[in-house]
């Protein structure tokens, strides 16, 4: 039977190798299989943890991207409002200076008509 052959043939035939631990293939298969199953189970748990972390990171990235879009829109709207305010201020300044110029032109006429010198 092949399963009854030791893993290290020299361990059973050579006295110098007797310090080595020798197992039959059948016994090694059983113990190694259990150890490998445990390692695979640990790796599966680790994989689930990574998948959960990945899902959390993807959700956070989506949320941050959405927040960034909202922030960019808010900045654009604020800039537009500031631009409109500046344009109104310029228009008011121009209107004020035109009004002052007109008043300076007609004031002497009113003074003259009123007879005030």
PDB file of N, CA and C in Angstrom:
ATOM      1  N   UNK A   1       0.827  -1.194   0.000  1.00  0.00           N
ATOM      2  CA  UNK A   1       0.000   0.000   0.000  1.00  0.00           C
ATOM      3  C   UNK A   1       0.867   1.252   0.000  1.00  0.00           C
ATOM      4  N   UNK A   2       0.577   2.176  -0.862  1.00  0.00           N
ATOM      5  CA  UNK A   2       1.366   3.398  -0.979  1.00  0.00           C
ATOM      6  C   UNK A   2       1.184   4.269   0.255  1.00  0.00           C
ATOM      7  N   UNK A   3       0.010   4.276   0.851  1.00  0.00           N
ATOM      8  CA  UNK A   3      -0.265   5.140   1.993  1.00  0.00           C
ATOM      9  C   UNK A   3       0.509   4.739   3.246  1.00  0.00           C
ATOM     10  N   UNK A   4       1.085   3.572   3.272  1.00  0.00           N
ATOM     11  CA  UNK A   4       1.840   3.128   4.440  1.00  0.00           C
ATOM     12  C   UNK A   4       3.327   3.485   4.334  1.00  0.00           C
ATOM     13  N   UNK A   5       3.747   4.133   3.253  1.00  0.00           N
ATOM     14  CA  UNK A   5       5.153   4.489   3.047  1.00  0.00           C
ATOM     15  C   UNK A   5       5.465   5.750   3.855  1.00  0.00           C
ATOM     16  N   UNK A   6       6.578   5.789   4.604  1.00  0.00           N
ATOM     17  CA  UNK A   6       6.942   6.996   5.354  1.00  0.00           C
ATOM     18  C   UNK A   6       7.252   8.154   4.423  1.00  0.00           C
ATOM     19  N   UNK A   7       7.100   9.354   4.927  1.00  0.00           N
ATOM     20  CA  UNK A   7       7.414  10.546   4.133  1.00  0.00           C
ATOM     21  C   UNK A   7       8.912  10.611   3.858  1.00  0.00           C
ATOM     22  N   UNK A   8       9.710  10.263   4.822  1.00  0.00           N
ATOM     23  CA  UNK A   8      11.158  10.302   4.644  1.00  0.00           C
ATOM     24  C   UNK A   8      11.673   8.868   4.757  1.00  0.00           C
ATOM     25  N   UNK A   9      11.949   8.265   3.639  1.00  0.00           N
ATOM     26  CA  UNK A   9      12.391   6.862   3.633  1.00  0.00           C
ATOM     27  C   UNK A   9      13.715   6.722   4.357  1.00  0.00           C
ATOM     28  N   UNK A  10      14.560   7.727   4.239  1.00  0.00           N
ATOM     29  CA  UNK A  10      15.869   7.662   4.894  1.00  0.00           C
ATOM     30  C   UNK A  10      15.732   7.618   6.408  1.00  0.00           C
ATOM     31  N   UNK A  11      14.696   8.215   6.937  1.00  0.00           N
ATOM     32  CA  UNK A  11      14.492   8.216   8.382  1.00  0.00           C
ATOM     33  C   UNK A  11      14.310   6.796   8.914  1.00  0.00           C
ATOM     34  N   UNK A  12      13.733   5.964   8.133  1.00  0.00           N
ATOM     35  CA  UNK A  12      13.475   4.590   8.604  1.00  0.00           C
ATOM     36  C   UNK A  12      14.607   3.643   8.260  1.00  0.00           C
ATOM     37  N   UNK A  13      15.460   4.003   7.292  1.00  0.00           N
ATOM     38  CA  UNK A  13      16.530   3.087   6.874  1.00  0.00           C
ATOM     39  C   UNK A  13      17.904   3.491   7.368  1.00  0.00           C
ATOM     40  N   UNK A  14      18.114   4.754   7.622  1.00  0.00           N
ATOM     41  CA  UNK A  14      19.436   5.243   8.008  1.00  0.00           C
ATOM     42  C   UNK A  14      19.405   5.695   9.470  1.00  0.00           C
ATOM     43  N   UNK A  15      20.265   5.140  10.313  1.00  0.00           N
ATOM     44  CA  UNK A  15      20.253   5.516  11.736  1.00  0.00           C
ATOM     45  C   UNK A  15      20.529   7.011  11.972  1.00  0.00           C
ATOM     46  N   UNK A  16      21.282   7.676  11.081  1.00  0.00           N
ATOM     47  CA  UNK A  16      21.590   9.100  11.267  1.00  0.00           C
ATOM     48  C   UNK A  16      20.340   9.967  11.139  1.00  0.00           C
ATOM     49  N   UNK A  17      19.365   9.486  10.462  1.00  0.00           N
ATOM     50  CA  UNK A  17      18.122  10.247  10.251  1.00  0.00           C
ATOM     51  C   UNK A  17      17.082   9.960  11.321  1.00  0.00           C
ATOM     52  N   UNK A  18      17.374   9.151  12.271  1.00  0.00           N
ATOM     53  CA  UNK A  18      16.375   8.755  13.269  1.00  0.00           C
ATOM     54  C   UNK A  18      15.962   9.922  14.162  1.00  0.00           C
ATOM     55  N   UNK A  19      16.736  11.001  14.154  1.00  0.00           N
ATOM     56  CA  UNK A  19      16.350  12.180  14.939  1.00  0.00           C
ATOM     57  C   UNK A  19      15.144  12.891  14.312  1.00  0.00           C
ATOM     58  N   UNK A  20      14.907  12.668  13.056  1.00  0.00           N
ATOM     59  CA  UNK A  20      13.786  13.300  12.357  1.00  0.00           C
ATOM     60  C   UNK A  20      12.477  12.669  12.780  1.00  0.00           C
ATOM     61  N   UNK A  21      11.438  13.499  12.718  1.00  0.00           N
ATOM     62  CA  UNK A  21      10.098  12.964  12.985  1.00  0.00           C
ATOM     63  C   UNK A  21       9.605  12.304  11.707  1.00  0.00           C
ATOM     64  N   UNK A  22       9.168  11.101  11.788  1.00  0.00           N
ATOM     65  CA  UNK A  22       8.726  10.362  10.618  1.00  0.00           C
ATOM     66  C   UNK A  22       7.258  10.002  10.786  1.00  0.00           C
ATOM     67  N   UNK A  23       6.506  10.236   9.759  1.00  0.00           N
ATOM     68  CA  UNK A  23       5.079   9.912   9.765  1.00  0.00           C
ATOM     69  C   UNK A  23       4.745   9.119   8.529  1.00  0.00           C
ATOM     70  N   UNK A  24       3.775   8.284   8.662  1.00  0.00           N
ATOM     71  CA  UNK A  24       3.276   7.611   7.475  1.00  0.00           C
ATOM     72  C   UNK A  24       2.483   8.619   6.648  1.00  0.00           C
ATOM     73  N   UNK A  25       2.475   8.437   5.347  1.00  0.00           N
ATOM     74  CA  UNK A  25       1.769   9.375   4.459  1.00  0.00           C
ATOM     75  C   UNK A  25       0.305   9.478   4.859  1.00  0.00           C
ATOM     76  N   UNK A  26      -0.293   8.370   5.216  1.00  0.00           N
ATOM     77  CA  UNK A  26      -1.705   8.367   5.611  1.00  0.00           C
ATOM     78  C   UNK A  26      -1.917   9.271   6.839  1.00  0.00           C
ATOM     79  N   UNK A  27      -1.042   9.144   7.834  1.00  0.00           N
ATOM     80  CA  UNK A  27      -1.154   9.969   9.048  1.00  0.00           C
ATOM     81  C   UNK A  27      -0.857  11.433   8.749  1.00  0.00           C
ATOM     82  N   UNK A  28       0.149  11.649   7.907  1.00  0.00           N
ATOM     83  CA  UNK A  28       0.503  13.025   7.541  1.00  0.00           C
ATOM     84  C   UNK A  28      -0.644  13.688   6.792  1.00  0.00           C
ATOM     85  N   UNK A  29      -1.275  12.922   5.923  1.00  0.00           N
ATOM     86  CA  UNK A  29      -2.403  13.472   5.167  1.00  0.00           C
ATOM     87  C   UNK A  29      -3.503  13.939   6.117  1.00  0.00           C
ATOM     88  N   UNK A  30      -3.814  13.142   7.104  1.00  0.00           N
ATOM     89  CA  UNK A  30      -4.873  13.489   8.048  1.00  0.00           C
ATOM     90  C   UNK A  30      -4.513  14.747   8.838  1.00  0.00           C
ATOM     91  N   UNK A  31      -3.314  14.772   9.399  1.00  0.00           N
ATOM     92  CA  UNK A  31      -2.928  15.937  10.220  1.00  0.00           C
ATOM     93  C   UNK A  31      -2.735  17.181   9.359  1.00  0.00           C
ATOM     94  N   UNK A  32      -2.122  17.014   8.184  1.00  0.00           N
ATOM     95  CA  UNK A  32      -1.902  18.162   7.304  1.00  0.00           C
ATOM     96  C   UNK A  32      -3.223  18.691   6.747  1.00  0.00           C
ATOM     97  N   UNK A  33      -4.139  17.797   6.432  1.00  0.00           N
ATOM     98  CA  UNK A  33      -5.441  18.222   5.913  1.00  0.00           C
ATOM     99  C   UNK A  33      -6.178  19.065   6.936  1.00  0.00           C
ATOM    100  N   UNK A  34      -6.136  18.626   8.191  1.00  0.00           N
ATOM    101  CA  UNK A  34      -6.814  19.395   9.240  1.00  0.00           C
ATOM    102  C   UNK A  34      -6.162  20.765   9.399  1.00  0.00           C
ATOM    103  N   UNK A  35      -4.833  20.786   9.367  1.00  0.00           N
ATOM    104  CA  UNK A  35      -4.121  22.064   9.496  1.00  0.00           C
ATOM    105  C   UNK A  35      -4.433  22.977   8.313  1.00  0.00           C
ATOM    106  N   UNK A  36      -4.430  22.407   7.111  1.00  0.00           N
ATOM    107  CA  UNK A  36      -4.735  23.199   5.911  1.00  0.00           C
ATOM    108  C   UNK A  36      -6.178  23.702   5.935  1.00  0.00           C
ATOM    109  N   UNK A  37      -7.112  22.870   6.411  1.00  0.00           N
ATOM    110  CA  UNK A  37      -8.514  23.323   6.520  1.00  0.00           C
ATOM    111  C   UNK A  37      -8.597  24.522   7.465  1.00  0.00           C
ATOM    112  N   UNK A  38      -7.871  24.450   8.573  1.00  0.00           N
ATOM    113  CA  UNK A  38      -7.858  25.569   9.514  1.00  0.00           C
ATOM    114  C   UNK A  38      -7.301  26.830   8.876  1.00  0.00           C
ATOM    115  N   UNK A  39      -6.204  26.678   8.125  1.00  0.00           N
ATOM    116  CA  UNK A  39      -5.616  27.834   7.436  1.00  0.00           C
ATOM    117  C   UNK A  39      -6.573  28.397   6.389  1.00  0.00           C
ATOM    118  N   UNK A  40      -7.219  27.519   5.643  1.00  0.00           N
ATOM    119  CA  UNK A  40      -8.182  27.970   4.627  1.00  0.00           C
ATOM    120  C   UNK A  40      -9.347  28.704   5.296  1.00  0.00           C
ATOM    121  N   UNK A  41      -9.825  28.180   6.415  1.00  0.00           N
ATOM    122  CA  UNK A  41     -10.909  28.858   7.143  1.00  0.00           C
ATOM    123  C   UNK A  41     -10.471  30.242   7.606  1.00  0.00           C
ATOM    124  N   UNK A  42      -9.232  30.328   8.122  1.00  0.00           N
ATOM    125  CA  UNK A  42      -8.696  31.637   8.545  1.00  0.00           C
ATOM    126  C   UNK A  42      -8.613  32.592   7.359  1.00  0.00           C
ATOM    127  N   UNK A  43      -8.151  32.070   6.222  1.00  0.00           N
ATOM    128  CA  UNK A  43      -8.049  32.915   5.023  1.00  0.00           C
ATOM    129  C   UNK A  43      -9.420  33.363   4.531  1.00  0.00           C
ATOM    130  N   UNK A  44     -10.399  32.496   4.640  1.00  0.00           N
ATOM    131  CA  UNK A  44     -11.761  32.879   4.240  1.00  0.00           C
ATOM    132  C   UNK A  44     -12.293  33.993   5.139  1.00  0.00           C
ATOM    133  N   UNK A  45     -12.021  33.867   6.447  1.00  0.00           N
ATOM    134  CA  UNK A  45     -12.461  34.912   7.376  1.00  0.00           C
ATOM    135  C   UNK A  45     -11.746  36.224   7.058  1.00  0.00           C
ATOM    136  N   UNK A  46     -10.459  36.140   6.768  1.00  0.00           N
ATOM    137  CA  UNK A  46      -9.693  37.337   6.407  1.00  0.00           C
ATOM    138  C   UNK A  46     -10.242  37.943   5.120  1.00  0.00           C
ATOM    139  N   UNK A  47     -10.567  37.084   4.153  1.00  0.00           N
ATOM    140  CA  UNK A  47     -11.132  37.561   2.884  1.00  0.00           C
ATOM    141  C   UNK A  47     -12.457  38.288   3.135  1.00  0.00           C
ATOM    142  N   UNK A  48     -13.312  37.706   3.997  1.00  0.00           N
ATOM    143  CA  UNK A  48     -14.587  38.377   4.312  1.00  0.00           C
ATOM    144  C   UNK A  48     -14.339  39.737   4.949  1.00  0.00           C
ATOM    145  N   UNK A  49     -13.332  39.799   5.820  1.00  0.00           N
ATOM    146  CA  UNK A  49     -12.983  41.086   6.437  1.00  0.00           C
ATOM    147  C   UNK A  49     -12.542  42.098   5.394  1.00  0.00           C
ATOM    148  N   UNK A  50     -11.694  41.650   4.451  1.00  0.00           N
ATOM    149  CA  UNK A  50     -11.246  42.543   3.387  1.00  0.00           C
ATOM    150  C   UNK A  50     -12.403  42.978   2.496  1.00  0.00           C
ATOM    151  N   UNK A  51     -13.297  42.049   2.199  1.00  0.00           N
ATOM    152  CA  UNK A  51     -14.452  42.394   1.365  1.00  0.00           C
ATOM    153  C   UNK A  51     -15.333  43.415   2.069  1.00  0.00           C
ATOM    154  N   UNK A  52     -15.516  43.245   3.380  1.00  0.00           N
ATOM    155  CA  UNK A  52     -16.300  44.210   4.151  1.00  0.00           C
ATOM    156  C   UNK A  52     -15.609  45.574   4.140  1.00  0.00           C
ATOM    157  N   UNK A  53     -14.292  45.577   4.324  1.00  0.00           N
ATOM    158  CA  UNK A  53     -13.537  46.835   4.287  1.00  0.00           C
ATOM    159  C   UNK A  53     -13.642  47.485   2.920  1.00  0.00           C
ATOM    160  N   UNK A  54     -13.552  46.685   1.871  1.00  0.00           N
ATOM    161  CA  UNK A  54     -13.660  47.209   0.513  1.00  0.00           C
ATOM    162  C   UNK A  54     -15.027  47.844   0.287  1.00  0.00           C
ATOM    163  N   UNK A  55     -16.079  47.163   0.737  1.00  0.00           N
ATOM    164  CA  UNK A  55     -17.433  47.707   0.598  1.00  0.00           C
ATOM    165  C   UNK A  55     -17.560  49.027   1.361  1.00  0.00           C
ATOM    166  N   UNK A  56     -17.017  49.073   2.567  1.00  0.00           N
ATOM    167  CA  UNK A  56     -17.062  50.301   3.370  1.00  0.00           C
ATOM    168  C   UNK A  56     -16.299  51.429   2.689  1.00  0.00           C
ATOM    169  N   UNK A  57     -15.122  51.117   2.155  1.00  0.00           N
ATOM    170  CA  UNK A  57     -14.325  52.136   1.469  1.00  0.00           C
ATOM    171  C   UNK A  57     -15.011  52.634   0.201  1.00  0.00           C
ATOM    172  N   UNK A  58     -15.651  51.717  -0.532  1.00  0.00           N
ATOM    173  CA  UNK A  58     -16.367  52.133  -1.745  1.00  0.00           C
ATOM    174  C   UNK A  58     -17.538  53.038  -1.389  1.00  0.00           C
ATOM    175  N   UNK A  59     -18.254  52.729  -0.302  1.00  0.00           N
ATOM    176  CA  UNK A  59     -19.369  53.569   0.139  1.00  0.00           C
ATOM    177  C   UNK A  59     -18.850  54.941   0.564  1.00  0.00           C
ATOM    178  N   UNK A  60     -17.729  54.959   1.284  1.00  0.00           N
ATOM    179  CA  UNK A  60     -17.142  56.232   1.717  1.00  0.00           C
ATOM    180  C   UNK A  60     -16.692  57.049   0.511  1.00  0.00           C
ATOM    181  N   UNK A  61     -16.106  56.394  -0.477  1.00  0.00           N
ATOM    182  CA  UNK A  61     -15.669  57.082  -1.691  1.00  0.00           C
ATOM    183  C   UNK A  61     -16.857  57.677  -2.436  1.00  0.00           C
ATOM    184  N   UNK A  62     -17.941  56.922  -2.538  1.00  0.00           N
ATOM    185  CA  UNK A  62     -19.153  57.419  -3.191  1.00  0.00           C
ATOM    186  C   UNK A  62     -19.696  58.631  -2.443  1.00  0.00           C
ATOM    187  N   UNK A  63     -19.735  58.533  -1.094  1.00  0.00           N
ATOM    188  CA  UNK A  63     -20.239  59.637  -0.276  1.00  0.00           C
ATOM    189  C   UNK A  63     -19.352  60.873  -0.436  1.00  0.00           C
ATOM    190  N   UNK A  64     -18.022  60.676  -0.401  1.00  0.00           N
ATOM    191  CA  UNK A  64     -17.102  61.803  -0.552  1.00  0.00           C
ATOM    192  C   UNK A  64     -17.216  62.432  -1.932  1.00  0.00           C
ATOM    193  N   UNK A  65     -17.392  61.603  -2.939  1.00  0.00           N
ATOM    194  CA  UNK A  65     -17.550  62.117  -4.294  1.00  0.00           C
ATOM    195  C   UNK A  65     -18.812  62.963  -4.387  1.00  0.00           C
ATOM    196  N   UNK A  66     -19.880  62.501  -3.776  1.00  0.00           N
ATOM    197  CA  UNK A  66     -21.131  63.244  -3.769  1.00  0.00           C
ATOM    198  C   UNK A  66     -20.970  64.559  -3.003  1.00  0.00           C
ATOM    199  N   UNK A  67     -20.296  64.490  -1.851  1.00  0.00           N
ATOM    200  CA  UNK A  67     -20.063  65.704  -1.058  1.00  0.00           C
ATOM    201  C   UNK A  67     -19.193  66.689  -1.823  1.00  0.00           C
ATOM    202  N   UNK A  68     -18.204  66.168  -2.567  1.00  0.00           N
ATOM    203  CA  UNK A  68     -17.331  67.026  -3.376  1.00  0.00           C
ATOM    204  C   UNK A  68     -18.150  67.730  -4.450  1.00  0.00           C
ATOM    205  N   UNK A  69     -19.051  66.988  -5.094  1.00  0.00           N
ATOM    206  CA  UNK A  69     -19.900  67.582  -6.126  1.00  0.00           C
ATOM    207  C   UNK A  69     -20.766  68.692  -5.545  1.00  0.00           C
ATOM    208  N   UNK A  70     -21.332  68.456  -4.360  1.00  0.00           N
ATOM    209  CA  UNK A  70     -22.163  69.466  -3.705  1.00  0.00           C
ATOM    210  C   UNK A  70     -21.316  70.684  -3.349  1.00  0.00           C
ATOM    211  N   UNK A  71     -20.114  70.442  -2.823  1.00  0.00           N
ATOM    212  CA  UNK A  71     -19.224  71.547  -2.448  1.00  0.00           C
ATOM    213  C   UNK A  71     -18.822  72.363  -3.674  1.00  0.00           C
ATOM    214  N   UNK A  72     -18.520  71.686  -4.781  1.00  0.00           N
ATOM    215  CA  UNK A  72     -18.146  72.398  -6.017  1.00  0.00           C
ATOM    216  C   UNK A  72     -19.322  73.236  -6.522  1.00  0.00           C
ATOM    217  N   UNK A  73     -20.513  72.677  -6.454  1.00  0.00           N
ATOM    218  CA  UNK A  73     -21.701  73.413  -6.892  1.00  0.00           C
ATOM    219  C   UNK A  73     -21.923  74.633  -5.995  1.00  0.00           C
ATOM    220  N   UNK A  74     -21.722  74.454  -4.697  1.00  0.00           N
ATOM    221  CA  UNK A  74     -21.893  75.565  -3.755  1.00  0.00           C
ATOM    222  C   UNK A  74     -20.866  76.661  -4.038  1.00  0.00           C
ATOM    223  N   UNK A  75     -19.620  76.278  -4.319  1.00  0.00           N
ATOM    224  CA  UNK A  75     -18.579  77.265  -4.633  1.00  0.00           C
ATOM    225  C   UNK A  75     -18.935  78.007  -5.919  1.00  0.00           C
ATOM    226  N   UNK A  76     -19.413  77.281  -6.918  1.00  0.00           N
ATOM    227  CA  UNK A  76     -19.788  77.912  -8.186  1.00  0.00           C
ATOM    228  C   UNK A  76     -20.935  78.897  -7.984  1.00  0.00           C
ATOM    229  N   UNK A  77     -21.930  78.506  -7.179  1.00  0.00           N
ATOM    230  CA  UNK A  77     -23.068  79.399  -6.913  1.00  0.00           C
ATOM    231  C   UNK A  77     -22.617  80.633  -6.135  1.00  0.00           C
ATOM    232  N   UNK A  78     -21.734  80.438  -5.158  1.00  0.00           N
ATOM    233  CA  UNK A  78     -21.213  81.565  -4.377  1.00  0.00           C
ATOM    234  C   UNK A  78     -20.449  82.527  -5.279  1.00  0.00           C
ATOM    235  N   UNK A  79     -19.637  81.988  -6.182  1.00  0.00           N
ATOM    236  CA  UNK A  79     -18.883  82.830  -7.114  1.00  0.00           C
ATOM    237  C   UNK A  79     -19.832  83.605  -8.026  1.00  0.00           C
ATOM    238  N   UNK A  80     -20.883  82.956  -8.496  1.00  0.00           N
ATOM    239  CA  UNK A  80     -21.859  83.618  -9.359  1.00  0.00           C
ATOM    240  C   UNK A  80     -22.562  84.754  -8.615  1.00  0.00           C
ATOM    241  N   UNK A  81     -22.952  84.496  -7.371  1.00  0.00           N
ATOM    242  CA  UNK A  81     -23.614  85.531  -6.561  1.00  0.00           C
ATOM    243  C   UNK A  81     -22.668  86.703  -6.327  1.00  0.00           C
ATOM    244  N   UNK A  82     -21.395  86.413  -6.019  1.00  0.00           N
ATOM    245  CA  UNK A  82     -20.424  87.482  -5.803  1.00  0.00           C
ATOM    246  C   UNK A  82     -20.229  88.304  -7.079  1.00  0.00           C
ATOM    247  N   UNK A  83     -20.187  87.617  -8.214  1.00  0.00           N
ATOM    248  CA  UNK A  83     -20.035  88.319  -9.484  1.00  0.00           C
ATOM    249  C   UNK A  83     -21.242  89.227  -9.739  1.00  0.00           C
ATOM    250  N   UNK A  84     -22.451  88.719  -9.462  1.00  0.00           N
ATOM    251  CA  UNK A  84     -23.652  89.535  -9.648  1.00  0.00           C
ATOM    252  C   UNK A  84     -23.651  90.734  -8.711  1.00  0.00           C
ATOM    253  N   UNK A  85     -23.193  90.558  -7.470  1.00  0.00           N
ATOM    254  CA  UNK A  85     -23.105  91.677  -6.523  1.00  0.00           C
ATOM    255  C   UNK A  85     -22.151  92.749  -7.030  1.00  0.00           C
ATOM    256  N   UNK A  86     -20.991  92.298  -7.531  1.00  0.00           N
ATOM    257  CA  UNK A  86     -20.019  93.258  -8.059  1.00  0.00           C
ATOM    258  C   UNK A  86     -20.585  94.028  -9.253  1.00  0.00           C
ATOM    259  N   UNK A  87     -21.291  93.315 -10.122  1.00  0.00           N
ATOM    260  CA  UNK A  87     -21.883  93.983 -11.281  1.00  0.00           C
ATOM    261  C   UNK A  87     -22.927  95.004 -10.841  1.00  0.00           C
ATOM    262  N   UNK A  88     -23.719  94.669  -9.816  1.00  0.00           N
ATOM    263  CA  UNK A  88     -24.711  95.623  -9.303  1.00  0.00           C
ATOM    264  C   UNK A  88     -24.031  96.823  -8.663  1.00  0.00           C
ATOM    265  N   UNK A  89     -22.947  96.547  -7.926  1.00  0.00           N
ATOM    266  CA  UNK A  89     -22.220  97.654  -7.310  1.00  0.00           C
ATOM    267  C   UNK A  89     -21.635  98.575  -8.368  1.00  0.00           C
ATOM    268  N   UNK A  90     -21.086  97.991  -9.424  1.00  0.00           N
ATOM    269  CA  UNK A  90     -20.545  98.803 -10.513  1.00  0.00           C
ATOM    270  C   UNK A  90     -21.657  99.632 -11.152  1.00  0.00           C
ATOM    271  N   UNK A  91     -22.793  98.988 -11.389  1.00  0.00           N
ATOM    272  CA  UNK A  91     -23.921  99.688 -12.006  1.00  0.00           C
ATOM    273  C   UNK A  91     -24.397 100.816 -11.106  1.00  0.00           C
ATOM    274  N   UNK A  92     -24.464 100.569  -9.795  1.00  0.00           N
ATOM    275  CA  UNK A  92     -24.890 101.611  -8.856  1.00  0.00           C
ATOM    276  C   UNK A  92     -23.886 102.744  -8.822  1.00  0.00           C
ATOM    277  N   UNK A  93     -22.600 102.394  -8.866  1.00  0.00           N
ATOM    278  CA  UNK A  93     -21.558 103.436  -8.863  1.00  0.00           C
ATOM    279  C   UNK A  93     -21.665 104.306 -10.102  1.00  0.00           C
ATOM    280  N   UNK A  94     -21.868 103.666 -11.243  1.00  0.00           N
ATOM    281  CA  UNK A  94     -22.014 104.412 -12.495  1.00  0.00           C
ATOM    282  C   UNK A  94     -23.265 105.296 -12.419  1.00  0.00           C
ATOM    283  N   UNK A  95     -24.375 104.728 -11.936  1.00  0.00           N
ATOM    284  CA  UNK A  95     -25.604 105.504 -11.792  1.00  0.00           C
ATOM    285  C   UNK A  95     -25.402 106.678 -10.843  1.00  0.00           C
ATOM    286  N   UNK A  96     -24.698 106.430  -9.731  1.00  0.00           N
ATOM    287  CA  UNK A  96     -24.469 107.497  -8.757  1.00  0.00           C
ATOM    288  C   UNK A  96     -23.637 108.621  -9.384  1.00  0.00           C
ATOM    289  N   UNK A  97     -22.561 108.269 -10.084  1.00  0.00           N
ATOM    290  CA  UNK A  97     -21.714 109.290 -10.708  1.00  0.00           C
ATOM    291  C   UNK A  97     -22.457 110.032 -11.817  1.00  0.00           C
ATOM    292  N   UNK A  98     -23.311 109.317 -12.576  1.00  0.00           N
ATOM    293  CA  UNK A  98     -24.111 109.990 -13.597  1.00  0.00           C
ATOM    294  C   UNK A  98     -25.102 110.955 -12.945  1.00  0.00           C
ATOM    295  N   UNK A  99     -25.725 110.506 -11.859  1.00  0.00           N
ATOM    296  CA  UNK A  99     -26.662 111.365 -11.141  1.00  0.00           C
ATOM    297  C   UNK A  99     -25.951 112.603 -10.597  1.00  0.00           C
ATOM    298  N   UNK A 100     -24.776 112.410 -10.017  1.00  0.00           N
ATOM    299  CA  UNK A 100     -24.005 113.546  -9.487  1.00  0.00           C
ATOM    300  C   UNK A 100     -23.626 114.509 -10.627  1.00  0.00           C
ATOM    301  N   UNK A 101     -23.251 113.957 -11.757  1.00  0.00           N
ATOM    302  CA  UNK A 101     -22.885 114.794 -12.898  1.00  0.00           C
ATOM    303  C   UNK A 101     -24.094 115.595 -13.384  1.00  0.00           C
ATOM    304  N   UNK A 102     -25.234 114.931 -13.488  1.00  0.00           N
ATOM    305  CA  UNK A 102     -26.459 115.623 -13.923  1.00  0.00           C
ATOM    306  C   UNK A 102     -26.834 116.707 -12.917  1.00  0.00           C
ATOM    307  N   UNK A 103     -26.757 116.380 -11.620  1.00  0.00           N
ATOM    308  CA  UNK A 103     -27.071 117.376 -10.587  1.00  0.00           C
ATOM    309  C   UNK A 103     -26.118 118.565 -10.670  1.00  0.00           C
ATOM    310  N   UNK A 104     -24.854 118.285 -10.893  1.00  0.00           N
ATOM    311  CA  UNK A 104     -23.885 119.380 -11.039  1.00  0.00           C
ATOM    312  C   UNK A 104     -24.187 120.241 -12.265  1.00  0.00           C
ATOM    313  N   UNK A 105     -24.759 119.621 -13.294  1.00  0.00           N
ATOM    314  CA  UNK A 105     -25.116 120.385 -14.489  1.00  0.00           C
ATOM    315  C   UNK A 105     -26.391 121.214 -14.283  1.00  0.00           C
ATOM    316  N   UNK A 106     -27.390 120.637 -13.612  1.00  0.00           N
ATOM    317  CA  UNK A 106     -28.663 121.349 -13.493  1.00  0.00           C
ATOM    318  C   UNK A 106     -28.767 122.216 -12.250  1.00  0.00           C
ATOM    319  N   UNK A 107     -27.903 121.960 -11.262  1.00  0.00           N
ATOM    320  CA  UNK A 107     -27.951 122.775 -10.042  1.00  0.00           C
ATOM    321  C   UNK A 107     -27.773 124.263 -10.341  1.00  0.00           C
ATOM    322  N   UNK A 108     -26.804 124.639 -11.156  1.00  0.00           N
ATOM    323  CA  UNK A 108     -26.669 126.069 -11.457  1.00  0.00           C
ATOM    324  C   UNK A 108     -27.925 126.630 -12.138  1.00  0.00           C
ATOM    325  N   UNK A 109     -28.590 125.810 -12.933  1.00  0.00           N
ATOM    326  CA  UNK A 109     -29.794 126.283 -13.602  1.00  0.00           C
ATOM    327  C   UNK A 109     -30.886 126.537 -12.571  1.00  0.00           C
ATOM    328  N   UNK A 110     -31.085 125.630 -11.624  1.00  0.00           N
ATOM    329  CA  UNK A 110     -32.074 125.806 -10.570  1.00  0.00           C
ATOM    330  C   UNK A 110     -31.748 127.005  -9.692  1.00  0.00           C
ATOM    331  N   UNK A 111     -30.475 127.155  -9.396  1.00  0.00           N
ATOM    332  CA  UNK A 111     -30.052 128.301  -8.569  1.00  0.00           C
ATOM    333  C   UNK A 111     -30.373 129.589  -9.309  1.00  0.00           C
ATOM    334  N   UNK A 112     -30.113 129.623 -10.568  1.00  0.00           N
ATOM    335  CA  UNK A 112     -30.374 130.809 -11.372  1.00  0.00           C
ATOM    336  C   UNK A 112     -31.884 131.075 -11.470  1.00  0.00           C
ATOM    337  N   UNK A 113     -32.664 130.000 -11.673  1.00  0.00           N
ATOM    338  CA  UNK A 113     -34.108 130.168 -11.762  1.00  0.00           C
ATOM    339  C   UNK A 113     -34.703 130.621 -10.430  1.00  0.00           C
ATOM    340  N   UNK A 114     -34.121 130.157  -9.363  1.00  0.00           N
ATOM    341  CA  UNK A 114     -34.638 130.506  -8.053  1.00  0.00           C
ATOM    342  C   UNK A 114     -34.176 131.902  -7.650  1.00  0.00           C
ATOM    343  N   UNK A 115     -33.242 132.416  -8.329  1.00  0.00           N
ATOM    344  CA  UNK A 115     -32.741 133.740  -8.025  1.00  0.00           C
ATOM    345  C   UNK A 115     -31.759 133.753  -6.874  1.00  0.00           C
ATOM    346  N   UNK A 116     -31.213 132.628  -6.563  1.00  0.00           N
ATOM    347  CA  UNK A 116     -30.231 132.529  -5.491  1.00  0.00           C
ATOM    348  C   UNK A 116     -28.859 132.564  -6.133  1.00  0.00           C
ATOM    349  N   UNK A 117     -28.066 133.505  -5.721  1.00  0.00           N
ATOM    350  CA  UNK A 117     -26.725 133.568  -6.303  1.00  0.00           C
ATOM    351  C   UNK A 117     -25.694 133.297  -5.287  1.00  0.00           C
TER     352      UNK A 117
END
